[in-house]
N, C-alpha and C. Protein backbone atom coordinates (compact mmCIF):
# COMPACT_ATOMS: atom_id res chain seq x y z
N MET A 1 -24.46 13.66 0.41
CA MET A 1 -23.81 12.38 0.52
C MET A 1 -24.03 11.85 1.98
N LYS A 2 -24.41 10.63 2.16
CA LYS A 2 -24.59 10.08 3.53
C LYS A 2 -23.31 9.67 4.06
N ILE A 3 -23.04 9.65 5.39
CA ILE A 3 -22.01 9.15 6.00
C ILE A 3 -21.86 7.75 6.16
N TYR A 4 -22.99 7.12 6.18
CA TYR A 4 -23.03 5.70 6.36
C TYR A 4 -23.25 5.01 4.82
N THR A 5 -22.57 4.01 4.47
CA THR A 5 -22.70 3.44 3.20
C THR A 5 -23.13 2.04 3.37
N LYS A 6 -23.04 1.40 4.45
CA LYS A 6 -23.22 0.08 4.76
C LYS A 6 -22.44 -0.93 4.03
N THR A 7 -21.46 -0.48 3.35
CA THR A 7 -20.56 -1.40 2.54
C THR A 7 -19.64 -2.08 3.54
N GLY A 8 -19.51 -1.62 4.79
CA GLY A 8 -18.60 -2.35 5.74
C GLY A 8 -19.38 -3.24 6.65
N ASP A 9 -20.57 -3.38 6.46
CA ASP A 9 -21.42 -4.21 7.34
C ASP A 9 -21.02 -5.74 7.37
N ASN A 10 -20.29 -6.10 6.32
CA ASN A 10 -19.89 -7.48 6.26
C ASN A 10 -18.38 -7.63 6.86
N GLY A 11 -17.96 -6.57 7.47
CA GLY A 11 -16.60 -6.73 8.11
C GLY A 11 -15.40 -6.38 7.19
N THR A 12 -15.77 -5.71 6.01
CA THR A 12 -14.61 -5.48 5.09
C THR A 12 -14.59 -3.86 5.00
N THR A 13 -13.53 -3.45 4.43
CA THR A 13 -13.36 -1.96 4.18
C THR A 13 -12.72 -1.82 2.77
N SER A 14 -12.77 -0.60 2.23
CA SER A 14 -12.26 -0.32 1.00
C SER A 14 -10.85 0.24 1.00
N LEU A 15 -9.89 -0.17 0.47
CA LEU A 15 -8.64 0.53 0.24
C LEU A 15 -8.71 1.62 -0.85
N TYR A 16 -7.72 2.59 -0.79
CA TYR A 16 -7.74 3.44 -1.84
C TYR A 16 -7.47 2.81 -3.14
N GLY A 17 -8.42 2.94 -4.00
CA GLY A 17 -8.42 2.24 -5.35
C GLY A 17 -9.58 1.26 -5.37
N GLY A 18 -10.32 1.01 -4.29
CA GLY A 18 -11.49 0.28 -4.36
C GLY A 18 -11.26 -1.25 -3.89
N GLU A 19 -10.19 -1.79 -3.80
CA GLU A 19 -9.99 -3.23 -3.25
C GLU A 19 -10.57 -3.32 -1.81
N ARG A 20 -11.37 -4.37 -1.56
CA ARG A 20 -11.98 -4.58 -0.33
C ARG A 20 -11.08 -5.56 0.45
N ILE A 21 -10.82 -5.39 1.77
CA ILE A 21 -10.11 -6.23 2.64
C ILE A 21 -10.83 -6.24 4.02
N SER A 22 -10.44 -7.26 4.76
CA SER A 22 -10.98 -7.42 6.11
C SER A 22 -10.61 -6.24 6.92
N LYS A 23 -11.58 -5.84 7.84
CA LYS A 23 -11.32 -4.65 8.62
C LYS A 23 -10.17 -5.12 9.78
N HIS A 24 -9.79 -6.20 9.97
CA HIS A 24 -8.70 -6.56 10.85
C HIS A 24 -7.46 -6.91 10.12
N ASP A 25 -7.38 -6.62 8.88
CA ASP A 25 -6.20 -6.87 8.19
C ASP A 25 -5.06 -5.93 8.69
N ILE A 26 -3.91 -6.40 8.74
CA ILE A 26 -2.71 -5.60 9.29
C ILE A 26 -2.58 -4.29 8.67
N ARG A 27 -2.91 -4.13 7.36
CA ARG A 27 -2.89 -2.86 6.70
C ARG A 27 -3.88 -1.78 7.32
N VAL A 28 -5.07 -2.31 7.57
CA VAL A 28 -6.07 -1.51 8.29
C VAL A 28 -5.61 -1.23 9.63
N GLU A 29 -5.18 -2.15 10.28
CA GLU A 29 -4.61 -1.92 11.60
C GLU A 29 -3.54 -0.91 11.73
N ALA A 30 -2.62 -0.90 10.63
CA ALA A 30 -1.43 0.09 10.64
C ALA A 30 -1.95 1.54 10.37
N TYR A 31 -2.92 1.69 9.46
CA TYR A 31 -3.40 3.00 9.20
C TYR A 31 -4.44 3.42 10.15
N GLY A 32 -5.10 2.44 10.72
CA GLY A 32 -6.01 2.92 11.80
C GLY A 32 -5.35 3.27 13.06
N THR A 33 -4.15 2.79 13.39
CA THR A 33 -3.40 3.15 14.56
C THR A 33 -2.72 4.52 14.29
N VAL A 34 -2.35 4.81 12.96
CA VAL A 34 -1.86 6.09 12.61
C VAL A 34 -2.83 7.07 12.78
N ASP A 35 -4.16 6.79 12.35
CA ASP A 35 -5.25 7.68 12.53
C ASP A 35 -5.60 7.87 14.10
N GLU A 36 -5.50 6.92 14.88
CA GLU A 36 -5.72 7.18 16.36
C GLU A 36 -4.69 7.99 16.96
N LEU A 37 -3.49 7.93 16.43
CA LEU A 37 -2.34 8.77 16.90
C LEU A 37 -2.66 10.31 16.49
N ASN A 38 -3.09 10.38 15.26
CA ASN A 38 -3.40 11.71 14.69
C ASN A 38 -4.53 12.38 15.44
N SER A 39 -5.56 11.63 15.97
CA SER A 39 -6.71 12.20 16.74
C SER A 39 -6.07 12.55 18.11
N ASN A 40 -5.32 11.69 18.66
CA ASN A 40 -4.77 12.10 20.01
C ASN A 40 -3.78 13.32 19.97
N LEU A 41 -3.11 13.42 18.91
CA LEU A 41 -2.24 14.61 18.61
C LEU A 41 -3.09 15.91 18.60
N GLY A 42 -4.27 15.66 18.11
CA GLY A 42 -5.21 16.85 18.00
C GLY A 42 -5.57 17.37 19.34
N MET A 43 -5.81 16.34 20.27
CA MET A 43 -6.17 16.68 21.67
C MET A 43 -4.98 17.19 22.29
N LEU A 44 -3.72 16.72 22.10
CA LEU A 44 -2.47 17.34 22.80
C LEU A 44 -2.28 18.79 22.19
N ARG A 45 -2.60 18.93 21.00
CA ARG A 45 -2.46 20.33 20.47
C ARG A 45 -3.44 21.33 21.02
N ASP A 46 -4.65 20.80 21.30
CA ASP A 46 -5.74 21.70 22.03
C ASP A 46 -5.30 22.04 23.48
N LEU A 47 -4.55 21.07 24.15
CA LEU A 47 -4.20 21.29 25.49
C LEU A 47 -2.89 22.10 25.65
N ILE A 48 -2.03 22.22 24.70
CA ILE A 48 -0.66 22.52 24.97
C ILE A 48 -0.54 24.09 25.14
N ASN A 49 -1.32 24.90 24.46
CA ASN A 49 -1.20 26.41 24.70
C ASN A 49 0.20 26.93 24.36
N ASP A 50 0.86 26.59 23.27
CA ASP A 50 2.09 27.13 22.84
C ASP A 50 2.13 27.14 21.33
N LYS A 51 2.00 28.29 20.79
CA LYS A 51 1.79 28.44 19.26
C LYS A 51 2.92 27.65 18.50
N LYS A 52 4.16 27.71 18.90
CA LYS A 52 5.25 27.06 18.11
C LYS A 52 4.98 25.59 18.17
N ILE A 53 4.58 25.03 19.37
CA ILE A 53 4.43 23.55 19.35
C ILE A 53 3.11 23.24 18.54
N GLU A 54 2.16 24.00 18.80
CA GLU A 54 0.86 23.77 18.01
C GLU A 54 1.14 23.72 16.53
N SER A 55 1.95 24.59 16.03
CA SER A 55 2.28 24.68 14.60
C SER A 55 3.13 23.36 14.22
N SER A 56 4.04 23.02 15.01
CA SER A 56 4.80 21.70 14.70
C SER A 56 3.88 20.54 14.67
N ILE A 57 2.92 20.39 15.70
CA ILE A 57 2.04 19.38 15.77
C ILE A 57 1.11 19.22 14.52
N ILE A 58 0.71 20.54 14.10
CA ILE A 58 -0.21 20.51 12.83
C ILE A 58 0.63 19.87 11.62
N GLU A 59 2.02 20.36 11.57
CA GLU A 59 2.81 19.77 10.45
C GLU A 59 2.91 18.21 10.51
N ILE A 60 3.08 17.72 11.79
CA ILE A 60 3.12 16.35 11.97
C ILE A 60 1.86 15.67 11.57
N GLN A 61 0.70 16.26 12.00
CA GLN A 61 -0.67 15.70 11.58
C GLN A 61 -0.77 15.50 10.05
N LYS A 62 -0.29 16.51 9.37
CA LYS A 62 -0.34 16.50 7.92
C LYS A 62 0.41 15.34 7.42
N VAL A 63 1.70 15.11 7.89
CA VAL A 63 2.46 13.95 7.43
C VAL A 63 1.81 12.65 7.86
N LEU A 64 1.16 12.60 9.05
CA LEU A 64 0.46 11.36 9.34
C LEU A 64 -0.63 11.18 8.40
N PHE A 65 -1.44 12.21 7.96
CA PHE A 65 -2.46 11.93 6.97
C PHE A 65 -1.82 11.36 5.58
N LYS A 66 -0.66 11.83 5.19
CA LYS A 66 -0.02 11.23 4.08
C LYS A 66 0.39 9.78 4.39
N ILE A 67 0.91 9.58 5.53
CA ILE A 67 1.27 8.13 5.89
C ILE A 67 -0.13 7.10 5.86
N GLY A 68 -1.15 7.76 6.35
CA GLY A 68 -2.33 6.89 6.36
C GLY A 68 -2.84 6.75 4.85
N GLY A 69 -2.64 7.68 4.00
CA GLY A 69 -2.92 7.46 2.54
C GLY A 69 -2.07 6.44 1.87
N ILE A 70 -0.84 6.47 2.20
CA ILE A 70 0.16 5.48 1.60
C ILE A 70 -0.25 4.18 2.09
N LEU A 71 -0.50 4.04 3.42
CA LEU A 71 -0.73 2.55 3.92
C LEU A 71 -2.09 2.13 3.50
N ALA A 72 -2.99 2.99 3.15
CA ALA A 72 -4.32 2.59 2.62
C ALA A 72 -4.42 2.39 1.25
N THR A 73 -3.18 2.25 0.63
CA THR A 73 -3.02 2.02 -0.92
C THR A 73 -2.21 0.69 -0.92
N LYS A 74 -2.84 -0.27 -1.59
CA LYS A 74 -2.09 -1.50 -1.79
C LYS A 74 -0.89 -1.32 -2.75
N PRO A 75 0.36 -1.67 -2.43
CA PRO A 75 1.43 -1.45 -3.21
C PRO A 75 1.40 -1.79 -4.73
N SER A 76 0.45 -2.69 -5.10
CA SER A 76 0.24 -3.08 -6.42
C SER A 76 -0.55 -2.13 -7.20
N LYS A 77 -1.27 -1.12 -6.42
CA LYS A 77 -2.07 -0.16 -7.11
C LYS A 77 -1.16 0.93 -7.66
N LYS A 78 -1.27 1.15 -8.92
CA LYS A 78 -0.52 2.08 -9.61
C LYS A 78 -1.21 3.47 -9.48
N LEU A 79 -0.51 4.45 -8.75
CA LEU A 79 -1.03 5.76 -8.76
C LEU A 79 -0.48 6.60 -9.79
N ASN A 80 -1.10 7.69 -10.24
CA ASN A 80 -0.48 8.64 -11.24
C ASN A 80 0.58 9.47 -10.45
N SER A 81 1.55 9.90 -11.20
CA SER A 81 2.71 10.54 -10.57
C SER A 81 2.33 11.68 -9.65
N ALA A 82 1.33 12.45 -9.97
CA ALA A 82 0.95 13.62 -9.14
C ALA A 82 0.44 13.12 -7.80
N LYS A 83 -0.35 12.16 -7.83
CA LYS A 83 -0.73 11.54 -6.54
C LYS A 83 0.33 10.96 -5.69
N THR A 84 1.14 10.27 -6.32
CA THR A 84 2.25 9.60 -5.74
C THR A 84 3.19 10.71 -5.05
N LYS A 85 3.41 11.78 -5.69
CA LYS A 85 4.28 12.81 -5.24
C LYS A 85 3.55 13.49 -3.80
N ARG A 86 2.35 13.66 -3.91
CA ARG A 86 1.69 14.20 -2.84
C ARG A 86 1.77 13.29 -1.56
N LEU A 87 1.74 11.99 -1.80
CA LEU A 87 1.79 11.02 -0.72
C LEU A 87 3.18 10.61 -0.28
N GLU A 88 4.13 11.24 -0.68
CA GLU A 88 5.59 10.87 -0.45
C GLU A 88 5.98 11.34 0.97
N ILE A 89 6.62 10.49 1.63
CA ILE A 89 7.33 10.96 2.98
C ILE A 89 8.73 11.22 2.53
N ILE A 90 9.20 12.43 2.61
CA ILE A 90 10.48 12.80 2.09
C ILE A 90 11.31 12.96 3.36
N ASP A 91 12.68 13.04 2.96
CA ASP A 91 13.78 13.17 3.93
C ASP A 91 13.58 14.47 4.87
N SER A 92 13.02 15.44 4.27
CA SER A 92 12.75 16.78 5.01
C SER A 92 11.76 16.52 6.04
N ASP A 93 10.72 15.60 5.87
CA ASP A 93 9.76 15.32 6.93
C ASP A 93 10.45 14.80 8.18
N ILE A 94 11.43 13.92 8.01
CA ILE A 94 12.24 13.40 9.11
C ILE A 94 13.03 14.48 9.67
N LYS A 95 13.81 15.28 8.87
CA LYS A 95 14.68 16.25 9.34
C LYS A 95 13.87 17.34 10.19
N PHE A 96 12.66 17.51 9.85
CA PHE A 96 11.85 18.48 10.65
C PHE A 96 11.63 17.93 12.13
N LEU A 97 11.50 16.62 12.20
CA LEU A 97 11.32 16.13 13.50
C LEU A 97 12.58 16.21 14.38
N GLU A 98 13.72 15.83 13.58
CA GLU A 98 15.08 15.91 14.27
C GLU A 98 15.34 17.34 14.60
N SER A 99 15.01 18.24 13.75
CA SER A 99 15.40 19.74 14.22
C SER A 99 14.52 20.15 15.46
N GLN A 100 13.25 19.76 15.43
CA GLN A 100 12.37 20.06 16.55
C GLN A 100 12.83 19.34 17.86
N ILE A 101 13.33 18.15 17.70
CA ILE A 101 13.92 17.47 18.91
C ILE A 101 15.14 18.19 19.49
N ASP A 102 16.01 18.54 18.53
CA ASP A 102 17.17 19.25 18.85
C ASP A 102 16.93 20.59 19.52
N LEU A 103 15.99 21.43 18.98
CA LEU A 103 15.56 22.66 19.54
C LEU A 103 15.09 22.52 20.98
N MET A 104 14.20 21.54 21.22
CA MET A 104 13.67 21.28 22.42
C MET A 104 14.56 20.82 23.52
N SER A 105 15.55 20.10 22.98
CA SER A 105 16.58 19.53 23.90
C SER A 105 17.61 20.38 24.38
N LEU A 106 17.81 21.64 23.79
CA LEU A 106 18.77 22.53 24.11
C LEU A 106 19.01 22.77 25.69
N ASN A 107 17.99 23.12 26.34
CA ASN A 107 18.05 23.46 27.72
C ASN A 107 17.51 22.43 28.69
N LEU A 108 17.41 21.17 28.23
CA LEU A 108 16.89 20.13 29.04
C LEU A 108 18.05 19.46 29.76
N SER A 109 17.88 19.02 31.01
CA SER A 109 18.70 18.44 31.78
C SER A 109 19.19 17.10 31.11
N LYS A 110 20.37 16.60 31.40
CA LYS A 110 20.84 15.36 30.82
C LYS A 110 20.00 14.25 31.36
N MET A 111 19.60 13.17 30.40
CA MET A 111 18.89 12.07 30.92
C MET A 111 19.92 11.09 31.55
N THR A 112 19.52 10.59 32.69
CA THR A 112 20.43 9.57 33.48
C THR A 112 19.60 8.29 33.81
N HIS A 113 18.18 8.42 33.61
CA HIS A 113 17.40 7.22 34.03
C HIS A 113 16.11 7.39 33.05
N PHE A 114 15.36 6.24 33.14
CA PHE A 114 14.02 6.24 32.55
C PHE A 114 13.19 7.25 33.40
N ILE A 115 12.21 7.85 32.76
CA ILE A 115 11.28 8.79 33.42
C ILE A 115 9.88 8.27 33.48
N ILE A 116 9.33 8.15 34.70
CA ILE A 116 8.01 7.68 34.91
C ILE A 116 6.95 8.71 34.26
N PRO A 117 6.21 8.21 33.39
CA PRO A 117 5.22 9.24 32.67
C PRO A 117 4.26 9.87 33.69
N GLY A 118 3.95 11.15 33.54
CA GLY A 118 3.19 11.90 34.38
C GLY A 118 3.64 13.24 34.77
N GLY A 119 3.10 13.87 35.58
CA GLY A 119 3.51 15.23 36.00
C GLY A 119 2.37 16.29 35.99
N ASN A 120 1.55 16.23 34.86
CA ASN A 120 0.35 16.88 34.72
C ASN A 120 -0.34 16.46 33.51
N GLU A 121 -1.56 16.91 33.23
CA GLU A 121 -2.42 16.42 32.19
C GLU A 121 -1.69 16.46 30.89
N ILE A 122 -1.01 17.58 30.48
CA ILE A 122 -0.33 17.76 29.31
C ILE A 122 0.93 16.85 29.08
N ILE A 123 1.65 16.68 30.14
CA ILE A 123 2.84 15.75 30.13
C ILE A 123 2.35 14.39 29.89
N SER A 124 1.32 13.99 30.59
CA SER A 124 0.76 12.65 30.48
C SER A 124 0.19 12.47 29.13
N TYR A 125 -0.41 13.43 28.50
CA TYR A 125 -0.93 13.24 27.13
C TYR A 125 0.16 13.12 26.10
N CYS A 126 1.32 13.81 26.45
CA CYS A 126 2.50 13.58 25.57
C CYS A 126 2.89 12.18 25.53
N HIS A 127 2.87 11.46 26.75
CA HIS A 127 3.23 10.08 26.83
C HIS A 127 2.26 9.14 26.36
N ILE A 128 1.09 9.52 26.32
CA ILE A 128 -0.11 8.74 25.70
C ILE A 128 0.21 8.78 24.23
N CYS A 129 0.35 9.95 23.61
CA CYS A 129 0.68 9.99 22.23
C CYS A 129 2.01 9.23 21.84
N ARG A 130 2.93 9.34 22.68
CA ARG A 130 4.23 8.51 22.42
C ARG A 130 4.01 7.17 22.45
N SER A 131 3.23 6.69 23.22
CA SER A 131 2.98 5.09 23.29
C SER A 131 2.06 4.73 22.23
N ILE A 132 1.13 5.59 21.71
CA ILE A 132 0.38 5.29 20.53
C ILE A 132 1.34 5.30 19.32
N SER A 133 2.18 6.16 19.29
CA SER A 133 3.17 6.28 18.18
C SER A 133 3.95 4.97 18.13
N ARG A 134 4.54 4.53 19.20
CA ARG A 134 5.19 3.22 19.14
C ARG A 134 4.35 2.17 18.71
N ARG A 135 3.11 2.07 19.13
CA ARG A 135 2.27 0.95 18.63
C ARG A 135 1.96 1.14 17.14
N ALA A 136 1.86 2.36 16.67
CA ALA A 136 1.67 2.64 15.16
C ALA A 136 2.97 2.08 14.48
N GLU A 137 4.13 2.31 14.96
CA GLU A 137 5.34 2.00 14.46
C GLU A 137 5.40 0.40 14.42
N ARG A 138 5.02 -0.26 15.49
CA ARG A 138 5.02 -1.60 15.49
C ARG A 138 4.04 -2.18 14.36
N ARG A 139 2.84 -1.58 14.19
CA ARG A 139 1.88 -2.13 13.14
C ARG A 139 2.53 -1.86 11.73
N VAL A 140 3.16 -0.73 11.68
CA VAL A 140 3.64 -0.39 10.25
C VAL A 140 4.87 -1.37 9.98
N THR A 141 5.69 -1.70 11.01
CA THR A 141 6.84 -2.58 10.70
C THR A 141 6.28 -4.14 10.52
N GLN A 142 5.26 -4.41 11.23
CA GLN A 142 4.52 -5.70 10.88
C GLN A 142 4.05 -5.83 9.60
N LEU A 143 3.44 -4.76 9.01
CA LEU A 143 2.90 -4.62 7.67
C LEU A 143 4.11 -4.75 6.64
N ASN A 144 5.28 -4.07 7.05
CA ASN A 144 6.32 -4.05 6.24
C ASN A 144 6.94 -5.46 6.12
N ASP A 145 6.74 -6.32 6.95
CA ASP A 145 7.25 -7.70 6.94
C ASP A 145 6.47 -8.51 5.81
N LEU A 146 5.20 -8.03 5.61
CA LEU A 146 4.38 -8.71 4.61
C LEU A 146 4.39 -8.04 3.22
N HIS A 147 4.47 -6.75 3.23
CA HIS A 147 4.38 -5.96 1.99
C HIS A 147 5.28 -4.66 2.38
N ILE A 148 6.31 -4.53 1.60
CA ILE A 148 7.23 -3.46 1.91
C ILE A 148 6.55 -2.05 1.85
N VAL A 149 6.75 -1.28 2.84
CA VAL A 149 6.09 0.11 2.83
C VAL A 149 7.14 1.06 2.47
N SER A 150 6.67 2.22 2.07
CA SER A 150 7.47 3.29 1.63
C SER A 150 8.72 3.53 2.49
N GLU A 151 9.93 3.73 1.99
CA GLU A 151 11.15 3.64 2.83
C GLU A 151 11.30 4.56 3.98
N ASN A 152 10.60 5.74 3.84
CA ASN A 152 10.79 6.72 5.00
C ASN A 152 9.67 6.62 6.12
N ILE A 153 8.78 5.82 5.83
CA ILE A 153 7.67 5.85 6.94
C ILE A 153 8.14 5.27 8.15
N ILE A 154 8.88 4.19 8.20
CA ILE A 154 9.37 3.58 9.52
C ILE A 154 10.34 4.60 10.26
N PRO A 155 11.31 5.14 9.52
CA PRO A 155 12.16 6.07 10.23
C PRO A 155 11.24 7.32 10.74
N TYR A 156 10.40 7.75 10.02
CA TYR A 156 9.50 8.79 10.51
C TYR A 156 8.80 8.47 11.82
N MET A 157 8.24 7.34 11.80
CA MET A 157 7.46 6.80 12.98
C MET A 157 8.47 6.75 14.18
N ASN A 158 9.59 6.22 13.93
CA ASN A 158 10.54 6.11 14.94
C ASN A 158 10.96 7.46 15.54
N ARG A 159 11.23 8.34 14.68
CA ARG A 159 11.56 9.75 15.20
C ARG A 159 10.44 10.41 15.85
N LEU A 160 9.24 10.10 15.43
CA LEU A 160 8.11 10.79 16.05
C LEU A 160 7.85 10.53 17.54
N SER A 161 8.08 9.24 17.86
CA SER A 161 8.04 8.85 19.20
C SER A 161 9.20 9.59 20.00
N ASP A 162 10.38 9.70 19.37
CA ASP A 162 11.38 10.48 20.04
C ASP A 162 10.99 11.92 20.30
N TYR A 163 10.28 12.35 19.30
CA TYR A 163 9.82 13.82 19.33
C TYR A 163 8.76 14.03 20.51
N LEU A 164 7.95 13.10 20.68
CA LEU A 164 6.95 13.16 21.67
C LEU A 164 7.46 13.04 23.05
N PHE A 165 8.47 12.06 23.11
CA PHE A 165 9.21 11.96 24.48
C PHE A 165 9.84 13.27 24.81
N THR A 166 10.61 13.88 23.85
CA THR A 166 11.36 15.19 24.11
C THR A 166 10.23 16.21 24.39
N LEU A 167 9.16 16.22 23.76
CA LEU A 167 8.04 17.21 24.00
C LEU A 167 7.60 17.09 25.53
N SER A 168 7.50 15.87 25.94
CA SER A 168 7.10 15.68 27.30
C SER A 168 7.97 16.23 28.30
N ARG A 169 9.31 16.07 27.95
CA ARG A 169 10.32 16.66 28.81
C ARG A 169 10.36 18.18 28.77
N LYS A 170 10.16 18.72 27.59
CA LYS A 170 10.16 20.09 27.38
C LYS A 170 8.95 20.79 28.24
N VAL A 171 7.74 20.19 28.06
CA VAL A 171 6.61 20.73 28.84
C VAL A 171 6.90 20.66 30.27
N ALA A 172 7.43 19.57 30.79
CA ALA A 172 7.73 19.33 32.27
C ALA A 172 8.66 20.39 32.64
N ASP A 173 9.69 20.80 31.81
CA ASP A 173 10.65 21.76 32.18
C ASP A 173 9.92 23.12 32.23
N LYS A 174 9.23 23.42 31.23
CA LYS A 174 8.55 24.71 31.14
C LYS A 174 7.58 24.90 32.31
N MET A 175 6.83 23.92 32.80
CA MET A 175 5.96 23.97 33.70
C MET A 175 6.52 23.71 35.20
N LYS A 176 7.87 23.53 35.23
CA LYS A 176 8.54 23.16 36.38
C LYS A 176 8.00 21.97 37.16
N ALA A 177 7.54 21.04 36.40
CA ALA A 177 6.93 19.67 36.95
C ALA A 177 8.21 18.72 37.20
N GLU A 178 8.12 18.11 38.27
CA GLU A 178 9.20 17.14 38.57
C GLU A 178 9.11 15.88 37.66
N GLU A 179 10.30 15.59 37.20
CA GLU A 179 10.46 14.41 36.32
C GLU A 179 10.77 13.26 37.46
N ILE A 180 9.98 12.25 37.54
CA ILE A 180 10.30 11.25 38.48
C ILE A 180 11.12 10.10 37.77
N LYS A 181 12.36 9.99 38.26
CA LYS A 181 13.20 8.96 37.61
C LYS A 181 12.83 7.61 38.07
N TRP A 182 12.83 6.67 37.15
CA TRP A 182 12.65 5.23 37.58
C TRP A 182 13.96 4.64 37.92
N ILE A 183 14.07 4.28 39.17
CA ILE A 183 15.37 3.71 39.62
C ILE A 183 15.04 2.36 40.17
N PRO A 184 15.48 1.27 39.50
CA PRO A 184 15.11 -0.05 39.87
C PRO A 184 15.87 -0.55 41.20
């Protein structure tokens, strides 16, 4: 099978189920930004050198693939129940992020100010992933204004940026990197 199909040469792409839409459609923008986040999380995972965090990032990446699959499917497309179940974002996916945030927060100092991103390459990459996550969330909510998306996707995306922020703080704490407070 060739990797190039030439079917997108006219500026369209195919959704799951075969319907063709413009490559700049908000649906494509939403799942494309989720894909961008997933790729950047792969880089973060490669940099982090902590097996527990690497494992949690892999779990997050798996959920992001499900979200991408859901977003790449037109709501009017009827999937069989087995496929629908595999692509569902369930409450436990969100609870996983919350439990990871709670665990990482246990020994962190109390937040009193905004923190200026940076400190070292890994901390900076956590913040890059966090900001991409926020952009993905904005694209998903924009899509939701036009076509209702599955109910747990937006809360998951919101929690994911919280997870990435907390991860940046956890890494800073572990590496004894200074958190520079933004004081206006």
